Protein backbone atom coordinates (compact mmCIF):
# COMPACT_ATOMS: atom_id res chain seq x y z
CA UNK A 1 -7.78 -25.45 37.12
CA UNK A 2 -10.47 -23.50 35.31
CA UNK A 3 -8.61 -20.24 35.82
CA UNK A 4 -5.38 -21.84 34.58
CA UNK A 5 -7.13 -22.95 31.39
CA UNK A 6 -8.61 -19.51 30.73
CA UNK A 7 -5.25 -17.90 31.43
CA UNK A 8 -3.51 -20.24 28.96
CA UNK A 9 -6.21 -19.48 26.39
CA UNK A 10 -5.85 -15.77 26.90
CA UNK A 11 -2.04 -16.04 26.58
CA UNK A 12 -2.41 -18.03 23.35
CA UNK A 13 -4.79 -15.39 21.91
CA UNK A 14 -2.36 -12.66 22.81
CA UNK A 15 0.53 -14.51 21.23
CA UNK A 16 -1.51 -14.96 18.02
CA UNK A 17 -2.34 -11.25 18.00
CA UNK A 18 1.26 -10.33 18.42
CA UNK A 19 2.34 -12.67 15.65
CA UNK A 20 -0.32 -11.14 13.34
CA UNK A 21 0.74 -7.59 14.24
CA UNK A 22 4.37 -8.42 13.61
CA UNK A 23 3.42 -9.62 10.10
CA UNK A 24 1.40 -6.46 9.44
CA UNK A 25 4.21 -4.31 10.60
CA UNK A 26 6.64 -6.12 8.31
CA UNK A 27 4.31 -5.67 5.34
CA UNK A 28 3.87 -1.94 6.14
CA UNK A 29 7.62 -1.52 6.47
CA UNK A 30 8.20 -3.15 3.08
CA UNK A 31 5.52 -0.95 1.49
CA UNK A 32 7.23 2.10 3.06
CA UNK A 33 10.62 1.06 1.75
CA UNK A 34 9.22 0.63 -1.75
CA UNK A 35 7.43 4.04 -1.65
CA UNK A 36 10.66 5.71 -0.56
CA UNK A 37 12.51 4.03 -3.42
CA UNK A 38 9.90 5.21 -5.89
CA UNK A 39 9.94 8.76 -4.47
CA UNK A 40 13.80 8.84 -4.75
CA UNK A 41 13.50 7.67 -8.34
CA UNK A 42 10.88 10.25 -9.22
CA UNK A 43 12.84 13.00 -7.51
CA UNK A 44 15.90 12.06 -9.62
CA UNK A 45 13.82 12.04 -12.77
CA UNK A 46 12.24 15.34 -11.99
CA UNK A 47 15.62 17.01 -11.39
CA UNK A 48 16.88 15.51 -14.62
CA UNK A 49 13.86 16.81 -16.55
CA UNK A 50 14.22 20.24 -14.94
CA UNK A 51 17.85 20.36 -15.97
CA UNK A 52 16.99 19.36 -19.53
CA UNK A 53 14.34 22.05 -19.73
CA UNK A 54 16.73 24.62 -18.44
CA UNK A 55 19.39 23.62 -20.96
CA UNK A 56 16.96 23.82 -23.89
CA UNK A 57 17.55 26.59 -26.35
CA UNK A 58 15.06 29.38 -26.39
CA UNK A 59 12.28 29.23 -28.96
CA UNK A 60 12.44 31.35 -32.10
CA UNK A 61 8.82 32.39 -31.48
CA UNK A 62 8.50 35.55 -29.41
CA UNK A 63 6.56 35.44 -26.18
CA UNK A 64 3.15 37.15 -26.05
CA UNK A 65 4.62 40.00 -23.98
CA UNK A 66 7.44 40.54 -26.51
CA UNK A 67 5.12 40.67 -29.56
CA UNK A 68 4.50 44.08 -31.08
CA UNK A 69 0.80 44.93 -31.29
CA UNK A 70 -0.86 44.56 -34.68
CA UNK A 71 -0.95 47.76 -36.86
CA UNK A 72 -4.66 48.45 -36.21
CA UNK A 73 -3.96 49.35 -32.56
């Protein structure tokens, strides 16, 4: 009888642990789904920004490498 009671108690503890772990796995899965959604959104925004930068007209100001040196050189 004693062994049966201990075995039932042990089974109940294992069932509680499994239930807890299932809940944690569900929370982690939801967090992962949200992160993936955010990464997809940021990837889209980054590509959009890169395309906008590429399409911008060049500046009227010459680059440092294109500047002629001052006359005292």
